[in-house]
Amino acid sequence: MKSDIHPKYAPVVFRDLASGVSFLTKSTVGSNKTVEWEDGNTYPLIEVEISSESHPFYTGKQRIMDSAGRVERFNARFKGFGKK
């Protein structure tokens, strides 16, 4: 294998902007922003819009669509379609 062709795999802090939760993990992505973590060390900070802490699929707080109203509107719109 060629040496020095792979990106550096280092600890990074990801912060979920929606929930404010942060977690430390390893990644190849870097950042100019830094944050001091609970262990006293400073790590690069990556801010993400959504993570498993705030995504409706993982939290179970999905919005319920008004499916009855949508079905009624569809049926009213295509009431006689397909009948001869």
PDB file of N, CA and C in Angstrom:
ATOM      1  N   MET A   1       0.834  -1.190   0.000  1.00  0.00           N
ATOM      2  CA  MET A   1       0.000   0.000   0.000  1.00  0.00           C
ATOM      3  C   MET A   1       0.874   1.247   0.000  1.00  0.00           C
ATOM      4  N   LYS A   2       0.356   2.278  -0.598  1.00  0.00           N
ATOM      5  CA  LYS A   2       1.065   3.548  -0.585  1.00  0.00           C
ATOM      6  C   LYS A   2       0.934   4.183   0.791  1.00  0.00           C
ATOM      7  N   SER A   3       1.988   4.819   1.226  1.00  0.00           N
ATOM      8  CA  SER A   3       1.935   5.477   2.532  1.00  0.00           C
ATOM      9  C   SER A   3       1.495   6.925   2.360  1.00  0.00           C
ATOM     10  N   ASP A   4       0.892   7.464   3.390  1.00  0.00           N
ATOM     11  CA  ASP A   4       0.462   8.875   3.462  1.00  0.00           C
ATOM     12  C   ASP A   4      -0.576   9.248   2.410  1.00  0.00           C
ATOM     13  N   ILE A   5      -1.450   8.329   2.014  1.00  0.00           N
ATOM     14  CA  ILE A   5      -2.513   8.694   1.080  1.00  0.00           C
ATOM     15  C   ILE A   5      -3.879   8.756   1.758  1.00  0.00           C
ATOM     16  N   HIS A   6      -3.969   8.232   2.963  1.00  0.00           N
ATOM     17  CA  HIS A   6      -5.241   8.217   3.677  1.00  0.00           C
ATOM     18  C   HIS A   6      -5.349   9.435   4.588  1.00  0.00           C
ATOM     19  N   PRO A   7      -6.572   9.962   4.750  1.00  0.00           N
ATOM     20  CA  PRO A   7      -6.741  11.101   5.659  1.00  0.00           C
ATOM     21  C   PRO A   7      -6.491  10.693   7.106  1.00  0.00           C
ATOM     22  N   LYS A   8      -6.145  11.670   7.918  1.00  0.00           N
ATOM     23  CA  LYS A   8      -5.861  11.424   9.332  1.00  0.00           C
ATOM     24  C   LYS A   8      -7.175  11.163  10.086  1.00  0.00           C
ATOM     25  N   TYR A   9      -7.191  10.142  10.901  1.00  0.00           N
ATOM     26  CA  TYR A   9      -8.350   9.722  11.681  1.00  0.00           C
ATOM     27  C   TYR A   9      -8.106  10.173  13.119  1.00  0.00           C
ATOM     28  N   ALA A  10      -8.817  11.237  13.541  1.00  0.00           N
ATOM     29  CA  ALA A  10      -8.531  11.834  14.843  1.00  0.00           C
ATOM     30  C   ALA A  10      -9.828  12.106  15.610  1.00  0.00           C
ATOM     31  N   PRO A  11      -9.732  12.297  16.926  1.00  0.00           N
ATOM     32  CA  PRO A  11     -10.924  12.624  17.716  1.00  0.00           C
ATOM     33  C   PRO A  11     -11.496  13.985  17.336  1.00  0.00           C
ATOM     34  N   VAL A  12     -12.832  14.045  17.257  1.00  0.00           N
ATOM     35  CA  VAL A  12     -13.557  15.259  16.892  1.00  0.00           C
ATOM     36  C   VAL A  12     -14.824  15.312  17.736  1.00  0.00           C
ATOM     37  N   VAL A  13     -15.253  16.518  18.114  1.00  0.00           N
ATOM     38  CA  VAL A  13     -16.510  16.704  18.835  1.00  0.00           C
ATOM     39  C   VAL A  13     -17.571  17.159  17.841  1.00  0.00           C
ATOM     40  N   PHE A  14     -18.687  16.440  17.806  1.00  0.00           N
ATOM     41  CA  PHE A  14     -19.831  16.832  16.992  1.00  0.00           C
ATOM     42  C   PHE A  14     -20.883  17.429  17.920  1.00  0.00           C
ATOM     43  N   ARG A  15     -21.420  18.600  17.556  1.00  0.00           N
ATOM     44  CA  ARG A  15     -22.474  19.252  18.348  1.00  0.00           C
ATOM     45  C   ARG A  15     -23.734  19.346  17.500  1.00  0.00           C
ATOM     46  N   ASP A  16     -24.830  18.826  18.026  1.00  0.00           N
ATOM     47  CA  ASP A  16     -26.131  18.889  17.375  1.00  0.00           C
ATOM     48  C   ASP A  16     -26.736  20.257  17.675  1.00  0.00           C
ATOM     49  N   LEU A  17     -26.948  21.065  16.652  1.00  0.00           N
ATOM     50  CA  LEU A  17     -27.483  22.410  16.856  1.00  0.00           C
ATOM     51  C   LEU A  17     -28.942  22.400  17.270  1.00  0.00           C
ATOM     52  N   ALA A  18     -29.694  21.361  16.898  1.00  0.00           N
ATOM     53  CA  ALA A  18     -31.109  21.298  17.240  1.00  0.00           C
ATOM     54  C   ALA A  18     -31.332  20.973  18.715  1.00  0.00           C
ATOM     55  N   SER A  19     -30.517  20.078  19.280  1.00  0.00           N
ATOM     56  CA  SER A  19     -30.733  19.666  20.665  1.00  0.00           C
ATOM     57  C   SER A  19     -29.652  20.174  21.623  1.00  0.00           C
ATOM     58  N   GLY A  20     -28.508  20.593  21.086  1.00  0.00           N
ATOM     59  CA  GLY A  20     -27.427  21.080  21.928  1.00  0.00           C
ATOM     60  C   GLY A  20     -26.540  19.984  22.494  1.00  0.00           C
ATOM     61  N   VAL A  21     -26.785  18.745  22.133  1.00  0.00           N
ATOM     62  CA  VAL A  21     -26.014  17.612  22.625  1.00  0.00           C
ATOM     63  C   VAL A  21     -24.707  17.518  21.845  1.00  0.00           C
ATOM     64  N   SER A  22     -23.625  17.225  22.545  1.00  0.00           N
ATOM     65  CA  SER A  22     -22.316  17.043  21.917  1.00  0.00           C
ATOM     66  C   SER A  22     -21.806  15.646  22.208  1.00  0.00           C
ATOM     67  N   PHE A  23     -21.049  15.097  21.268  1.00  0.00           N
ATOM     68  CA  PHE A  23     -20.438  13.796  21.497  1.00  0.00           C
ATOM     69  C   PHE A  23     -19.077  13.738  20.828  1.00  0.00           C
ATOM     70  N   LEU A  24     -18.190  12.993  21.457  1.00  0.00           N
ATOM     71  CA  LEU A  24     -16.811  12.846  20.995  1.00  0.00           C
ATOM     72  C   LEU A  24     -16.669  11.519  20.263  1.00  0.00           C
ATOM     73  N   THR A  25     -16.113  11.587  19.067  1.00  0.00           N
ATOM     74  CA  THR A  25     -15.882  10.390  18.270  1.00  0.00           C
ATOM     75  C   THR A  25     -14.684  10.633  17.370  1.00  0.00           C
ATOM     76  N   LYS A  26     -14.271   9.628  16.638  1.00  0.00           N
ATOM     77  CA  LYS A  26     -13.171   9.805  15.699  1.00  0.00           C
ATOM     78  C   LYS A  26     -13.733  10.036  14.305  1.00  0.00           C
ATOM     79  N   SER A  27     -13.049  10.866  13.531  1.00  0.00           N
ATOM     80  CA  SER A  27     -13.487  11.183  12.182  1.00  0.00           C
ATOM     81  C   SER A  27     -12.303  11.674  11.359  1.00  0.00           C
ATOM     82  N   THR A  28     -12.485  11.687  10.054  1.00  0.00           N
ATOM     83  CA  THR A  28     -11.454  12.218   9.166  1.00  0.00           C
ATOM     84  C   THR A  28     -11.706  13.679   8.841  1.00  0.00           C
ATOM     85  N   VAL A  29     -12.864  14.193   9.200  1.00  0.00           N
ATOM     86  CA  VAL A  29     -13.200  15.586   8.926  1.00  0.00           C
ATOM     87  C   VAL A  29     -12.531  16.491   9.969  1.00  0.00           C
ATOM     88  N   GLY A  30     -12.152  17.673   9.561  1.00  0.00           N
ATOM     89  CA  GLY A  30     -11.517  18.618  10.474  1.00  0.00           C
ATOM     90  C   GLY A  30     -12.282  19.928  10.524  1.00  0.00           C
ATOM     91  N   SER A  31     -11.868  20.815  11.405  1.00  0.00           N
ATOM     92  CA  SER A  31     -12.545  22.092  11.553  1.00  0.00           C
ATOM     93  C   SER A  31     -11.592  23.116  12.162  1.00  0.00           C
ATOM     94  N   ASN A  32     -11.849  24.383  11.880  1.00  0.00           N
ATOM     95  CA  ASN A  32     -11.076  25.460  12.494  1.00  0.00           C
ATOM     96  C   ASN A  32     -11.601  25.805  13.882  1.00  0.00           C
ATOM     97  N   LYS A  33     -12.868  25.463  14.153  1.00  0.00           N
ATOM     98  CA  LYS A  33     -13.455  25.703  15.470  1.00  0.00           C
ATOM     99  C   LYS A  33     -12.972  24.623  16.431  1.00  0.00           C
ATOM    100  N   THR A  34     -12.763  25.011  17.670  1.00  0.00           N
ATOM    101  CA  THR A  34     -12.354  24.048  18.694  1.00  0.00           C
ATOM    102  C   THR A  34     -13.226  24.204  19.924  1.00  0.00           C
ATOM    103  N   VAL A  35     -13.236  23.173  20.757  1.00  0.00           N
ATOM    104  CA  VAL A  35     -13.993  23.193  21.999  1.00  0.00           C
ATOM    105  C   VAL A  35     -13.228  22.370  23.030  1.00  0.00           C
ATOM    106  N   GLU A  36     -13.322  22.789  24.278  1.00  0.00           N
ATOM    107  CA  GLU A  36     -12.698  22.020  25.352  1.00  0.00           C
ATOM    108  C   GLU A  36     -13.690  20.972  25.817  1.00  0.00           C
ATOM    109  N   TRP A  37     -13.270  19.722  25.786  1.00  0.00           N
ATOM    110  CA  TRP A  37     -14.139  18.610  26.144  1.00  0.00           C
ATOM    111  C   TRP A  37     -14.079  18.342  27.641  1.00  0.00           C
ATOM    112  N   GLU A  38     -14.906  17.447  28.122  1.00  0.00           N
ATOM    113  CA  GLU A  38     -15.007  17.120  29.549  1.00  0.00           C
ATOM    114  C   GLU A  38     -13.701  16.601  30.140  1.00  0.00           C
ATOM    115  N   ASP A  39     -12.843  16.023  29.315  1.00  0.00           N
ATOM    116  CA  ASP A  39     -11.577  15.485  29.812  1.00  0.00           C
ATOM    117  C   ASP A  39     -10.476  16.547  29.886  1.00  0.00           C
ATOM    118  N   GLY A  40     -10.813  17.789  29.541  1.00  0.00           N
ATOM    119  CA  GLY A  40      -9.857  18.881  29.618  1.00  0.00           C
ATOM    120  C   GLY A  40      -9.061  19.115  28.350  1.00  0.00           C
ATOM    121  N   ASN A  41      -9.170  18.222  27.386  1.00  0.00           N
ATOM    122  CA  ASN A  41      -8.468  18.383  26.116  1.00  0.00           C
ATOM    123  C   ASN A  41      -9.286  19.221  25.138  1.00  0.00           C
ATOM    124  N   THR A  42      -8.608  19.843  24.184  1.00  0.00           N
ATOM    125  CA  THR A  42      -9.262  20.648  23.161  1.00  0.00           C
ATOM    126  C   THR A  42      -9.321  19.846  21.871  1.00  0.00           C
ATOM    127  N   TYR A  43     -10.524  19.788  21.274  1.00  0.00           N
ATOM    128  CA  TYR A  43     -10.758  19.014  20.053  1.00  0.00           C
ATOM    129  C   TYR A  43     -11.408  19.913  18.998  1.00  0.00           C
ATOM    130  N   PRO A  44     -11.271  19.559  17.726  1.00  0.00           N
ATOM    131  CA  PRO A  44     -11.998  20.277  16.679  1.00  0.00           C
ATOM    132  C   PRO A  44     -13.500  20.091  16.878  1.00  0.00           C
ATOM    133  N   LEU A  45     -14.278  21.112  16.535  1.00  0.00           N
ATOM    134  CA  LEU A  45     -15.727  21.091  16.719  1.00  0.00           C
ATOM    135  C   LEU A  45     -16.417  21.120  15.364  1.00  0.00           C
ATOM    136  N   ILE A  46     -17.312  20.156  15.139  1.00  0.00           N
ATOM    137  CA  ILE A  46     -18.137  20.110  13.945  1.00  0.00           C
ATOM    138  C   ILE A  46     -19.577  20.292  14.398  1.00  0.00           C
ATOM    139  N   GLU A  47     -20.248  21.308  13.870  1.00  0.00           N
ATOM    140  CA  GLU A  47     -21.642  21.555  14.217  1.00  0.00           C
ATOM    141  C   GLU A  47     -22.532  20.973  13.128  1.00  0.00           C
ATOM    142  N   VAL A  48     -23.477  20.124  13.531  1.00  0.00           N
ATOM    143  CA  VAL A  48     -24.389  19.477  12.595  1.00  0.00           C
ATOM    144  C   VAL A  48     -25.817  19.946  12.875  1.00  0.00           C
ATOM    145  N   GLU A  49     -26.628  19.987  11.825  1.00  0.00           N
ATOM    146  CA  GLU A  49     -28.010  20.438  11.957  1.00  0.00           C
ATOM    147  C   GLU A  49     -28.880  19.436  12.714  1.00  0.00           C
ATOM    148  N   ILE A  50     -28.626  18.164  12.480  1.00  0.00           N
ATOM    149  CA  ILE A  50     -29.469  17.137  13.083  1.00  0.00           C
ATOM    150  C   ILE A  50     -28.636  15.874  13.312  1.00  0.00           C
ATOM    151  N   SER A  51     -28.917  15.180  14.384  1.00  0.00           N
ATOM    152  CA  SER A  51     -28.234  13.922  14.684  1.00  0.00           C
ATOM    153  C   SER A  51     -29.265  12.955  15.268  1.00  0.00           C
ATOM    154  N   SER A  52     -28.804  11.835  15.768  1.00  0.00           N
ATOM    155  CA  SER A  52     -29.731  10.863  16.347  1.00  0.00           C
ATOM    156  C   SER A  52     -30.429  11.409  17.592  1.00  0.00           C
ATOM    157  N   GLU A  53     -29.875  12.445  18.209  1.00  0.00           N
ATOM    158  CA  GLU A  53     -30.496  13.043  19.399  1.00  0.00           C
ATOM    159  C   GLU A  53     -31.712  13.897  19.054  1.00  0.00           C
ATOM    160  N   SER A  54     -31.794  14.402  17.822  1.00  0.00           N
ATOM    161  CA  SER A  54     -32.904  15.278  17.484  1.00  0.00           C
ATOM    162  C   SER A  54     -33.718  14.812  16.281  1.00  0.00           C
ATOM    163  N   HIS A  55     -33.292  13.745  15.601  1.00  0.00           N
ATOM    164  CA  HIS A  55     -34.022  13.267  14.426  1.00  0.00           C
ATOM    165  C   HIS A  55     -35.286  12.541  14.876  1.00  0.00           C
ATOM    166  N   PRO A  56     -36.435  12.847  14.260  1.00  0.00           N
ATOM    167  CA  PRO A  56     -37.699  12.237  14.684  1.00  0.00           C
ATOM    168  C   PRO A  56     -37.712  10.718  14.620  1.00  0.00           C
ATOM    169  N   PHE A  57     -36.989  10.128  13.701  1.00  0.00           N
ATOM    170  CA  PHE A  57     -36.970   8.659  13.610  1.00  0.00           C
ATOM    171  C   PHE A  57     -36.388   8.044  14.881  1.00  0.00           C
ATOM    172  N   TYR A  58     -35.339   8.635  15.420  1.00  0.00           N
ATOM    173  CA  TYR A  58     -34.675   8.079  16.599  1.00  0.00           C
ATOM    174  C   TYR A  58     -35.339   8.501  17.906  1.00  0.00           C
ATOM    175  N   THR A  59     -35.948   9.688  17.938  1.00  0.00           N
ATOM    176  CA  THR A  59     -36.567  10.168  19.171  1.00  0.00           C
ATOM    177  C   THR A  59     -37.988   9.657  19.344  1.00  0.00           C
ATOM    178  N   GLY A  60     -38.629   9.222  18.265  1.00  0.00           N
ATOM    179  CA  GLY A  60     -40.006   8.746  18.339  1.00  0.00           C
ATOM    180  C   GLY A  60     -41.016   9.870  18.382  1.00  0.00           C
ATOM    181  N   LYS A  61     -40.610  11.075  18.121  1.00  0.00           N
ATOM    182  CA  LYS A  61     -41.512  12.230  18.152  1.00  0.00           C
ATOM    183  C   LYS A  61     -41.831  12.685  16.731  1.00  0.00           C
ATOM    184  N   GLN A  62     -42.354  11.758  15.938  1.00  0.00           N
ATOM    185  CA  GLN A  62     -42.686  12.083  14.565  1.00  0.00           C
ATOM    186  C   GLN A  62     -43.995  12.851  14.511  1.00  0.00           C
ATOM    187  N   ARG A  63     -44.065  13.719  13.515  1.00  0.00           N
ATOM    188  CA  ARG A  63     -45.302  14.462  13.316  1.00  0.00           C
ATOM    189  C   ARG A  63     -46.307  13.552  12.617  1.00  0.00           C
ATOM    190  N   ILE A  64     -47.526  13.586  13.068  1.00  0.00           N
ATOM    191  CA  ILE A  64     -48.585  12.798  12.444  1.00  0.00           C
ATOM    192  C   ILE A  64     -49.240  13.664  11.372  1.00  0.00           C
ATOM    193  N   MET A  65     -49.212  13.148  10.164  1.00  0.00           N
ATOM    194  CA  MET A  65     -49.813  13.883   9.058  1.00  0.00           C
ATOM    195  C   MET A  65     -51.332  13.726   9.119  1.00  0.00           C
ATOM    196  N   ASP A  66     -52.045  14.728   8.634  1.00  0.00           N
ATOM    197  CA  ASP A  66     -53.498  14.680   8.559  1.00  0.00           C
ATOM    198  C   ASP A  66     -53.873  13.853   7.335  1.00  0.00           C
ATOM    199  N   SER A  67     -53.745  12.531   7.467  1.00  0.00           N
ATOM    200  CA  SER A  67     -53.973  11.662   6.313  1.00  0.00           C
ATOM    201  C   SER A  67     -55.444  11.604   5.931  1.00  0.00           C
ATOM    202  N   ALA A  68     -56.330  11.726   6.900  1.00  0.00           N
ATOM    203  CA  ALA A  68     -57.759  11.673   6.577  1.00  0.00           C
ATOM    204  C   ALA A  68     -58.141  12.861   5.702  1.00  0.00           C
ATOM    205  N   GLY A  69     -57.675  14.025   6.025  1.00  0.00           N
ATOM    206  CA  GLY A  69     -57.980  15.204   5.222  1.00  0.00           C
ATOM    207  C   GLY A  69     -57.373  15.116   3.838  1.00  0.00           C
ATOM    208  N   ARG A  70     -56.211  14.545   3.738  1.00  0.00           N
ATOM    209  CA  ARG A  70     -55.544  14.406   2.449  1.00  0.00           C
ATOM    210  C   ARG A  70     -56.283  13.398   1.571  1.00  0.00           C
ATOM    211  N   VAL A  71     -56.749  12.310   2.155  1.00  0.00           N
ATOM    212  CA  VAL A  71     -57.488  11.305   1.396  1.00  0.00           C
ATOM    213  C   VAL A  71     -58.813  11.877   0.913  1.00  0.00           C
ATOM    214  N   GLU A  72     -59.479  12.614   1.770  1.00  0.00           N
ATOM    215  CA  GLU A  72     -60.757  13.221   1.379  1.00  0.00           C
ATOM    216  C   GLU A  72     -60.567  14.217   0.247  1.00  0.00           C
ATOM    217  N   ARG A  73     -59.514  15.009   0.306  1.00  0.00           N
ATOM    218  CA  ARG A  73     -59.246  15.970  -0.775  1.00  0.00           C
ATOM    219  C   ARG A  73     -58.932  15.243  -2.080  1.00  0.00           C
ATOM    220  N   PHE A  74     -58.178  14.146  -1.981  1.00  0.00           N
ATOM    221  CA  PHE A  74     -57.856  13.367  -3.178  1.00  0.00           C
ATOM    222  C   PHE A  74     -59.125  12.781  -3.799  1.00  0.00           C
ATOM    223  N   ASN A  75     -59.972  12.177  -2.968  1.00  0.00           N
ATOM    224  CA  ASN A  75     -61.212  11.581  -3.469  1.00  0.00           C
ATOM    225  C   ASN A  75     -62.130  12.630  -4.069  1.00  0.00           C
ATOM    226  N   ALA A  76     -62.220  13.803  -3.464  1.00  0.00           N
ATOM    227  CA  ALA A  76     -63.056  14.863  -4.003  1.00  0.00           C
ATOM    228  C   ALA A  76     -62.505  15.372  -5.334  1.00  0.00           C
ATOM    229  N   ARG A  77     -61.226  15.394  -5.465  1.00  0.00           N
ATOM    230  CA  ARG A  77     -60.590  15.906  -6.674  1.00  0.00           C
ATOM    231  C   ARG A  77     -60.753  14.942  -7.859  1.00  0.00           C
ATOM    232  N   PHE A  78     -60.653  13.665  -7.586  1.00  0.00           N
ATOM    233  CA  PHE A  78     -60.736  12.657  -8.634  1.00  0.00           C
ATOM    234  C   PHE A  78     -62.007  11.801  -8.514  1.00  0.00           C
ATOM    235  N   LYS A  79     -63.090  12.433  -8.143  1.00  0.00           N
ATOM    236  CA  LYS A  79     -64.346  11.756  -7.840  1.00  0.00           C
ATOM    237  C   LYS A  79     -64.855  10.860  -8.998  1.00  0.00           C
ATOM    238  N   GLY A  80     -64.952  11.399 -10.173  1.00  0.00           N
ATOM    239  CA  GLY A  80     -65.513  10.638 -11.295  1.00  0.00           C
ATOM    240  C   GLY A  80     -64.469  10.126 -12.264  1.00  0.00           C
ATOM    241  N   PHE A  81     -63.220  10.202 -11.911  1.00  0.00           N
ATOM    242  CA  PHE A  81     -62.146   9.787 -12.808  1.00  0.00           C
ATOM    243  C   PHE A  81     -62.170   8.263 -13.012  1.00  0.00           C
ATOM    244  N   GLY A  82     -62.113   7.834 -14.241  1.00  0.00           N
ATOM    245  CA  GLY A  82     -62.033   6.416 -14.544  1.00  0.00           C
ATOM    246  C   GLY A  82     -63.376   5.747 -14.732  1.00  0.00           C
ATOM    247  N   LYS A  83     -64.474   6.438 -14.463  1.00  0.00           N
ATOM    248  CA  LYS A  83     -65.809   5.862 -14.664  1.00  0.00           C
ATOM    249  C   LYS A  83     -66.290   6.201 -16.069  1.00  0.00           C
ATOM    250  N   LYS A  84     -66.939   5.224 -16.695  1.00  0.00           N
ATOM    251  CA  LYS A  84     -67.495   5.449 -18.043  1.00  0.00           C
ATOM    252  C   LYS A  84     -68.970   5.302 -18.043  1.00  0.00           C
TER     253      LYS A  84
END
